[in-house]
Amino acid sequence: MSTSTESRRDRQRRELVAEITAVARRQLDEGGPGNVSWRGVAREVGMNPASLYTYFGSLDDLFTALITESFRSLADAVRQAFDDSAGAESVDRLLACVRAYRAWAVANPRQFNLIWTDQLPGYAAPADGPTVTAEQTVYRPFLLAVGEAEGRGDRLAEFATLPTDDQHRLLGLFGTLHGLVSLEINSHLAPSMVDGEALLVDRMTHALRHVHPPRDGSHADAAET
């Protein structure tokens, strides 16, 4: 049985695309989206700006690649936390995902804001493009963890097919997570006054007890005080 091998030309192209996106990501991390420029990337890669069009059709296409890779990086971090917590209580697995989400955001604030906020005037992600698929992979470990907590297995993983009530409560959970993390990385929670991780875990624990109350029906917990 024959196996296909990557040609030298294809390998060089793949490596150059990776170098271009790495340069653009570093520019993003150093100064935000406004710091990423077509000419600046070309200069650092060592090519004529016109030659970049061989690899990306436009600066928007380059941003699409950055957004896609950032979503995938975040998804990998959350999925790793979910996998590493196998065997733990289901709520603890969900909180492991929560901590991983926050840790990635704290380590990559520019990328976090790029994927979750509208920072690019005139930019529109391709409909049903790679950013859409990459974003969905971020949610899957959370949906699996909640489904596990409720004894529903992976039935929550297909979010679009869920009843409206299920969608609303899951969006509420994610809104709590995302909102607190966004406040923290954008300096709206003073570190001297608030421990961002402790606050997040406390509020997510509180929210989870309303979505998935303890089996004995008790809601008394320090998280609710």
C-alpha atoms as a PDB file:
ATOM      1  CA  MET A   1       0.000   0.000   0.000  1.00  0.00           C
ATOM      2  CA  SER A   2       1.472   3.333  -1.032  1.00  0.00           C
ATOM      3  CA  THR A   3       1.529   6.274   1.332  1.00  0.00           C
ATOM      4  CA  SER A   4       1.516   9.902   0.292  1.00  0.00           C
ATOM      5  CA  THR A   5       4.474  12.004   1.364  1.00  0.00           C
ATOM      6  CA  GLU A   6       4.662  15.759   1.635  1.00  0.00           C
ATOM      7  CA  SER A   7       6.586  17.333  -1.211  1.00  0.00           C
ATOM      8  CA  ARG A   8       9.488  19.654  -0.479  1.00  0.00           C
ATOM      9  CA  ARG A   9       7.519  22.556  -1.906  1.00  0.00           C
ATOM     10  CA  ASP A  10       4.477  21.815   0.264  1.00  0.00           C
ATOM     11  CA  ARG A  11       6.653  21.471   3.342  1.00  0.00           C
ATOM     12  CA  GLN A  12       8.338  24.809   2.679  1.00  0.00           C
ATOM     13  CA  ARG A  13       4.974  26.470   2.182  1.00  0.00           C
ATOM     14  CA  ARG A  14       3.602  24.993   5.401  1.00  0.00           C
ATOM     15  CA  GLU A  15       6.664  26.120   7.334  1.00  0.00           C
ATOM     16  CA  LEU A  16       6.493  29.638   5.909  1.00  0.00           C
ATOM     17  CA  VAL A  17       2.779  29.937   6.714  1.00  0.00           C
ATOM     18  CA  ALA A  18       3.591  28.872  10.281  1.00  0.00           C
ATOM     19  CA  GLU A  19       6.375  31.472  10.462  1.00  0.00           C
ATOM     20  CA  ILE A  20       4.096  34.233   9.154  1.00  0.00           C
ATOM     21  CA  THR A  21       1.368  33.447  11.683  1.00  0.00           C
ATOM     22  CA  ALA A  22       3.929  33.185  14.496  1.00  0.00           C
ATOM     23  CA  VAL A  23       5.265  36.658  13.665  1.00  0.00           C
ATOM     24  CA  ALA A  24       1.739  38.066  13.496  1.00  0.00           C
ATOM     25  CA  ARG A  25       0.845  36.438  16.827  1.00  0.00           C
ATOM     26  CA  ARG A  26       3.912  37.936  18.484  1.00  0.00           C
ATOM     27  CA  GLN A  27       3.002  41.377  17.118  1.00  0.00           C
ATOM     28  CA  LEU A  28      -0.506  40.872  18.494  1.00  0.00           C
ATOM     29  CA  ASP A  29       0.783  39.846  21.921  1.00  0.00           C
ATOM     30  CA  GLU A  30       3.136  42.827  22.043  1.00  0.00           C
ATOM     31  CA  GLY A  31       0.729  45.561  21.004  1.00  0.00           C
ATOM     32  CA  GLY A  32      -2.749  44.290  20.196  1.00  0.00           C
ATOM     33  CA  PRO A  33      -4.446  43.983  16.792  1.00  0.00           C
ATOM     34  CA  GLY A  34      -3.348  47.462  15.724  1.00  0.00           C
ATOM     35  CA  ASN A  35       0.261  46.340  15.985  1.00  0.00           C
ATOM     36  CA  VAL A  36      -0.221  43.639  13.346  1.00  0.00           C
ATOM     37  CA  SER A  37       0.537  45.065   9.911  1.00  0.00           C
ATOM     38  CA  TRP A  38       1.023  43.558   6.481  1.00  0.00           C
ATOM     39  CA  ARG A  39       4.310  45.368   5.901  1.00  0.00           C
ATOM     40  CA  GLY A  40       5.530  44.685   9.416  1.00  0.00           C
ATOM     41  CA  VAL A  41       4.943  40.954   9.092  1.00  0.00           C
ATOM     42  CA  ALA A  42       6.577  40.869   5.654  1.00  0.00           C
ATOM     43  CA  ARG A  43       9.616  42.755   6.941  1.00  0.00           C
ATOM     44  CA  GLU A  44      10.149  40.371   9.859  1.00  0.00           C
ATOM     45  CA  VAL A  45       9.679  37.299   7.707  1.00  0.00           C
ATOM     46  CA  GLY A  46      12.105  38.761   5.174  1.00  0.00           C
ATOM     47  CA  MET A  47       9.941  39.046   2.085  1.00  0.00           C
ATOM     48  CA  ASN A  48       8.350  41.685  -0.086  1.00  0.00           C
ATOM     49  CA  PRO A  49       4.838  42.657   1.118  1.00  0.00           C
ATOM     50  CA  ALA A  50       3.432  41.603  -2.253  1.00  0.00           C
ATOM     51  CA  SER A  51       4.823  38.112  -1.726  1.00  0.00           C
ATOM     52  CA  LEU A  52       2.638  37.629   1.348  1.00  0.00           C
ATOM     53  CA  TYR A  53      -0.359  37.351  -0.968  1.00  0.00           C
ATOM     54  CA  THR A  54       1.019  33.991  -2.048  1.00  0.00           C
ATOM     55  CA  TYR A  55       0.177  32.702   1.430  1.00  0.00           C
ATOM     56  CA  PHE A  56      -2.698  34.883   2.649  1.00  0.00           C
ATOM     57  CA  GLY A  57      -5.220  36.693   0.481  1.00  0.00           C
ATOM     58  CA  SER A  58      -5.429  39.685   2.807  1.00  0.00           C
ATOM     59  CA  LEU A  59      -4.698  40.908   6.318  1.00  0.00           C
ATOM     60  CA  ASP A  60      -8.204  39.716   7.232  1.00  0.00           C
ATOM     61  CA  ASP A  61      -7.239  36.205   6.146  1.00  0.00           C
ATOM     62  CA  LEU A  62      -4.191  36.411   8.381  1.00  0.00           C
ATOM     63  CA  PHE A  63      -6.385  37.485  11.295  1.00  0.00           C
ATOM     64  CA  THR A  64      -8.711  34.578  10.539  1.00  0.00           C
ATOM     65  CA  ALA A  65      -5.736  32.246  10.928  1.00  0.00           C
ATOM     66  CA  LEU A  66      -4.756  33.938  14.203  1.00  0.00           C
ATOM     67  CA  ILE A  67      -8.285  33.722  15.592  1.00  0.00           C
ATOM     68  CA  THR A  68      -8.583  30.072  14.582  1.00  0.00           C
ATOM     69  CA  GLU A  69      -5.263  29.143  16.182  1.00  0.00           C
ATOM     70  CA  SER A  70      -6.114  31.056  19.367  1.00  0.00           C
ATOM     71  CA  PHE A  71      -9.451  29.271  19.718  1.00  0.00           C
ATOM     72  CA  ARG A  72      -7.690  25.947  19.207  1.00  0.00           C
ATOM     73  CA  SER A  73      -5.050  26.787  21.791  1.00  0.00           C
ATOM     74  CA  LEU A  74      -7.721  27.700  24.339  1.00  0.00           C
ATOM     75  CA  ALA A  75      -9.722  24.581  23.488  1.00  0.00           C
ATOM     76  CA  ASP A  76      -6.625  22.404  23.919  1.00  0.00           C
ATOM     77  CA  ALA A  77      -5.982  23.874  27.375  1.00  0.00           C
ATOM     78  CA  VAL A  78      -9.561  23.273  28.500  1.00  0.00           C
ATOM     79  CA  ARG A  79      -9.690  19.779  27.020  1.00  0.00           C
ATOM     80  CA  GLN A  80      -6.400  18.871  28.696  1.00  0.00           C
ATOM     81  CA  ALA A  81      -7.824  19.926  32.061  1.00  0.00           C
ATOM     82  CA  PHE A  82     -10.948  17.848  31.415  1.00  0.00           C
ATOM     83  CA  ASP A  83      -8.919  14.783  30.446  1.00  0.00           C
ATOM     84  CA  ASP A  84      -6.461  15.167  33.329  1.00  0.00           C
ATOM     85  CA  SER A  85      -9.330  15.258  35.830  1.00  0.00           C
ATOM     86  CA  ALA A  86     -10.813  11.948  34.691  1.00  0.00           C
ATOM     87  CA  GLY A  87     -12.066  10.000  37.692  1.00  0.00           C
ATOM     88  CA  ALA A  88     -12.759  13.107  39.771  1.00  0.00           C
ATOM     89  CA  GLU A  89     -16.234  14.229  40.798  1.00  0.00           C
ATOM     90  CA  SER A  90     -18.071  15.695  37.825  1.00  0.00           C
ATOM     91  CA  VAL A  91     -18.338  19.163  39.385  1.00  0.00           C
ATOM     92  CA  ASP A  92     -14.601  19.115  40.084  1.00  0.00           C
ATOM     93  CA  ARG A  93     -13.983  18.252  36.433  1.00  0.00           C
ATOM     94  CA  LEU A  94     -16.018  21.251  35.387  1.00  0.00           C
ATOM     95  CA  LEU A  95     -14.124  23.489  37.809  1.00  0.00           C
ATOM     96  CA  ALA A  96     -10.860  22.152  36.359  1.00  0.00           C
ATOM     97  CA  CYS A  97     -12.048  23.366  32.956  1.00  0.00           C
ATOM     98  CA  VAL A  98     -12.995  26.715  34.487  1.00  0.00           C
ATOM     99  CA  ARG A  99      -9.524  27.159  35.976  1.00  0.00           C
ATOM    100  CA  ALA A 100      -7.870  26.199  32.689  1.00  0.00           C
ATOM    101  CA  TYR A 101     -10.007  28.708  30.778  1.00  0.00           C
ATOM    102  CA  ARG A 102      -8.987  31.489  33.159  1.00  0.00           C
ATOM    103  CA  ALA A 103      -5.311  30.467  33.198  1.00  0.00           C
ATOM    104  CA  TRP A 104      -5.129  30.565  29.411  1.00  0.00           C
ATOM    105  CA  ALA A 105      -6.789  33.989  29.323  1.00  0.00           C
ATOM    106  CA  VAL A 106      -4.432  35.392  31.962  1.00  0.00           C
ATOM    107  CA  ALA A 107      -1.435  34.071  30.014  1.00  0.00           C
ATOM    108  CA  ASN A 108      -2.761  35.260  26.632  1.00  0.00           C
ATOM    109  CA  PRO A 109      -4.892  38.386  27.220  1.00  0.00           C
ATOM    110  CA  ARG A 110      -4.411  39.844  23.730  1.00  0.00           C
ATOM    111  CA  GLN A 111      -5.440  36.603  22.077  1.00  0.00           C
ATOM    112  CA  PHE A 112      -8.386  36.239  24.459  1.00  0.00           C
ATOM    113  CA  ASN A 113      -9.678  39.694  23.555  1.00  0.00           C
ATOM    114  CA  LEU A 114      -9.077  39.076  19.858  1.00  0.00           C
ATOM    115  CA  ILE A 115     -11.273  35.982  19.764  1.00  0.00           C
ATOM    116  CA  TRP A 116     -14.037  37.240  22.051  1.00  0.00           C
ATOM    117  CA  THR A 117     -14.353  40.948  21.245  1.00  0.00           C
ATOM    118  CA  ASP A 118     -14.900  42.990  18.108  1.00  0.00           C
ATOM    119  CA  GLN A 119     -11.490  44.627  17.776  1.00  0.00           C
ATOM    120  CA  LEU A 120     -11.099  44.602  14.006  1.00  0.00           C
ATOM    121  CA  PRO A 121     -13.088  47.323  12.196  1.00  0.00           C
ATOM    122  CA  GLY A 122     -14.673  45.914   9.058  1.00  0.00           C
ATOM    123  CA  TYR A 123     -13.585  42.358   9.755  1.00  0.00           C
ATOM    124  CA  ALA A 124     -16.114  39.552   9.461  1.00  0.00           C
ATOM    125  CA  ALA A 125     -15.183  35.942  10.089  1.00  0.00           C
ATOM    126  CA  PRO A 126     -16.110  33.665   7.167  1.00  0.00           C
ATOM    127  CA  ALA A 127     -19.542  32.140   7.666  1.00  0.00           C
ATOM    128  CA  ASP A 128     -19.145  28.482   8.633  1.00  0.00           C
ATOM    129  CA  GLY A 129     -15.396  29.019   8.344  1.00  0.00           C
ATOM    130  CA  PRO A 130     -12.550  27.681  10.480  1.00  0.00           C
ATOM    131  CA  THR A 131     -13.127  30.146  13.323  1.00  0.00           C
ATOM    132  CA  VAL A 132     -16.653  28.799  13.849  1.00  0.00           C
ATOM    133  CA  THR A 133     -15.500  25.200  14.146  1.00  0.00           C
ATOM    134  CA  ALA A 134     -12.565  26.176  16.356  1.00  0.00           C
ATOM    135  CA  GLU A 135     -14.817  28.161  18.699  1.00  0.00           C
ATOM    136  CA  GLN A 136     -17.171  25.220  19.126  1.00  0.00           C
ATOM    137  CA  THR A 137     -14.319  23.030  20.350  1.00  0.00           C
ATOM    138  CA  VAL A 138     -13.857  25.395  23.316  1.00  0.00           C
ATOM    139  CA  TYR A 139     -17.353  24.618  24.605  1.00  0.00           C
ATOM    140  CA  ARG A 140     -17.301  20.845  24.251  1.00  0.00           C
ATOM    141  CA  PRO A 141     -15.408  19.938  27.476  1.00  0.00           C
ATOM    142  CA  PHE A 142     -17.743  22.195  29.473  1.00  0.00           C
ATOM    143  CA  LEU A 143     -20.801  20.580  27.915  1.00  0.00           C
ATOM    144  CA  LEU A 144     -19.409  17.119  28.576  1.00  0.00           C
ATOM    145  CA  ALA A 145     -18.675  18.008  32.204  1.00  0.00           C
ATOM    146  CA  VAL A 146     -22.153  19.435  32.823  1.00  0.00           C
ATOM    147  CA  GLY A 147     -23.724  16.446  31.097  1.00  0.00           C
ATOM    148  CA  GLU A 148     -21.678  14.147  33.313  1.00  0.00           C
ATOM    149  CA  ALA A 149     -22.784  16.054  36.424  1.00  0.00           C
ATOM    150  CA  GLU A 150     -26.407  15.597  35.421  1.00  0.00           C
ATOM    151  CA  GLY A 151     -26.061  11.962  34.446  1.00  0.00           C
ATOM    152  CA  ARG A 152     -26.762  12.806  30.817  1.00  0.00           C
ATOM    153  CA  GLY A 153     -23.464  11.693  29.332  1.00  0.00           C
ATOM    154  CA  ASP A 154     -22.542  13.493  26.140  1.00  0.00           C
ATOM    155  CA  ARG A 155     -26.105  14.445  25.217  1.00  0.00           C
ATOM    156  CA  LEU A 156     -25.443  18.120  25.996  1.00  0.00           C
ATOM    157  CA  ALA A 157     -22.471  18.229  23.639  1.00  0.00           C
ATOM    158  CA  GLU A 158     -24.671  18.947  20.608  1.00  0.00           C
ATOM    159  CA  PHE A 159     -25.701  22.378  21.821  1.00  0.00           C
ATOM    160  CA  ALA A 160     -27.724  23.389  18.756  1.00  0.00           C
ATOM    161  CA  THR A 161     -30.114  20.453  19.219  1.00  0.00           C
ATOM    162  CA  LEU A 162     -30.869  21.132  22.895  1.00  0.00           C
ATOM    163  CA  PRO A 163     -34.200  22.466  24.185  1.00  0.00           C
ATOM    164  CA  THR A 164     -34.272  26.225  24.741  1.00  0.00           C
ATOM    165  CA  ASP A 165     -34.260  25.871  28.543  1.00  0.00           C
ATOM    166  CA  ASP A 166     -31.070  23.821  28.420  1.00  0.00           C
ATOM    167  CA  GLN A 167     -29.446  26.302  26.059  1.00  0.00           C
ATOM    168  CA  HIS A 168     -30.333  29.231  28.300  1.00  0.00           C
ATOM    169  CA  ARG A 169     -28.954  27.739  31.507  1.00  0.00           C
ATOM    170  CA  LEU A 170     -25.740  26.623  29.794  1.00  0.00           C
ATOM    171  CA  LEU A 171     -25.280  30.076  28.280  1.00  0.00           C
ATOM    172  CA  GLY A 172     -25.841  31.523  31.747  1.00  0.00           C
ATOM    173  CA  LEU A 173     -23.058  29.356  33.148  1.00  0.00           C
ATOM    174  CA  PHE A 174     -20.679  30.302  30.374  1.00  0.00           C
ATOM    175  CA  GLY A 175     -21.646  33.958  30.748  1.00  0.00           C
ATOM    176  CA  THR A 176     -20.612  33.858  34.407  1.00  0.00           C
ATOM    177  CA  LEU A 177     -17.297  32.266  33.511  1.00  0.00           C
ATOM    178  CA  HIS A 178     -16.530  34.483  30.555  1.00  0.00           C
ATOM    179  CA  GLY A 179     -17.715  37.697  32.186  1.00  0.00           C
ATOM    180  CA  LEU A 180     -15.552  37.347  35.287  1.00  0.00           C
ATOM    181  CA  VAL A 181     -12.494  36.332  33.275  1.00  0.00           C
ATOM    182  CA  SER A 182     -12.990  39.275  30.906  1.00  0.00           C
ATOM    183  CA  LEU A 183     -13.248  41.682  33.830  1.00  0.00           C
ATOM    184  CA  GLU A 184     -10.057  40.319  35.330  1.00  0.00           C
ATOM    185  CA  ILE A 185      -7.816  40.369  32.275  1.00  0.00           C
ATOM    186  CA  ASN A 186      -9.011  43.841  31.313  1.00  0.00           C
ATOM    187  CA  SER A 187      -8.055  45.206  34.742  1.00  0.00           C
ATOM    188  CA  HIS A 188     -11.584  45.746  36.045  1.00  0.00           C
ATOM    189  CA  LEU A 189     -10.925  43.608  39.127  1.00  0.00           C
ATOM    190  CA  ALA A 190      -8.235  45.076  41.363  1.00  0.00           C
ATOM    191  CA  PRO A 191      -5.740  42.271  42.173  1.00  0.00           C
ATOM    192  CA  SER A 192      -5.017  43.892  45.528  1.00  0.00           C
ATOM    193  CA  MET A 193      -8.666  43.477  46.512  1.00  0.00           C
ATOM    194  CA  VAL A 194      -9.864  40.386  44.640  1.00  0.00           C
ATOM    195  CA  ASP A 195      -8.298  36.984  43.974  1.00  0.00           C
ATOM    196  CA  GLY A 196      -9.542  36.392  40.439  1.00  0.00           C
ATOM    197  CA  GLU A 197      -9.322  32.610  40.543  1.00  0.00           C
ATOM    198  CA  ALA A 198     -10.946  32.325  43.977  1.00  0.00           C
ATOM    199  CA  LEU A 199     -13.782  34.637  42.939  1.00  0.00           C
ATOM    200  CA  LEU A 200     -14.346  32.700  39.721  1.00  0.00           C
ATOM    201  CA  VAL A 201     -14.425  29.302  41.425  1.00  0.00           C
ATOM    202  CA  ASP A 202     -16.742  30.628  44.144  1.00  0.00           C
ATOM    203  CA  ARG A 203     -19.236  32.112  41.689  1.00  0.00           C
ATOM    204  CA  MET A 204     -19.130  29.123  39.347  1.00  0.00           C
ATOM    205  CA  THR A 205     -19.709  26.783  42.286  1.00  0.00           C
ATOM    206  CA  HIS A 206     -22.659  28.940  43.313  1.00  0.00           C
ATOM    207  CA  ALA A 207     -24.060  28.919  39.771  1.00  0.00           C
ATOM    208  CA  LEU A 208     -23.620  25.169  39.457  1.00  0.00           C
ATOM    209  CA  ARG A 209     -25.608  24.510  42.619  1.00  0.00           C
ATOM    210  CA  HIS A 210     -28.579  26.242  41.008  1.00  0.00           C
ATOM    211  CA  VAL A 211     -28.187  24.469  37.691  1.00  0.00           C
ATOM    212  CA  HIS A 212     -27.399  21.108  39.268  1.00  0.00           C
ATOM    213  CA  PRO A 213     -28.438  21.151  42.962  1.00  0.00           C
ATOM    214  CA  PRO A 214     -27.014  18.555  45.372  1.00  0.00           C
ATOM    215  CA  ARG A 215     -28.861  15.243  45.474  1.00  0.00           C
ATOM    216  CA  ASP A 216     -30.075  15.901  49.023  1.00  0.00           C
ATOM    217  CA  GLY A 217     -31.674  19.148  47.832  1.00  0.00           C
ATOM    218  CA  SER A 218     -29.556  21.295  50.124  1.00  0.00           C
ATOM    219  CA  HIS A 219     -28.359  24.644  48.851  1.00  0.00           C
ATOM    220  CA  ALA A 220     -26.524  25.649  51.992  1.00  0.00           C
ATOM    221  CA  ASP A 221     -22.936  26.301  51.072  1.00  0.00           C
ATOM    222  CA  ALA A 222     -20.291  28.869  51.761  1.00  0.00           C
ATOM    223  CA  ALA A 223     -20.398  29.818  48.088  1.00  0.00           C
ATOM    224  CA  GLU A 224     -23.920  31.170  48.566  1.00  0.00           C
ATOM    225  CA  THR A 225     -23.116  33.518  51.403  1.00  0.00           C
END
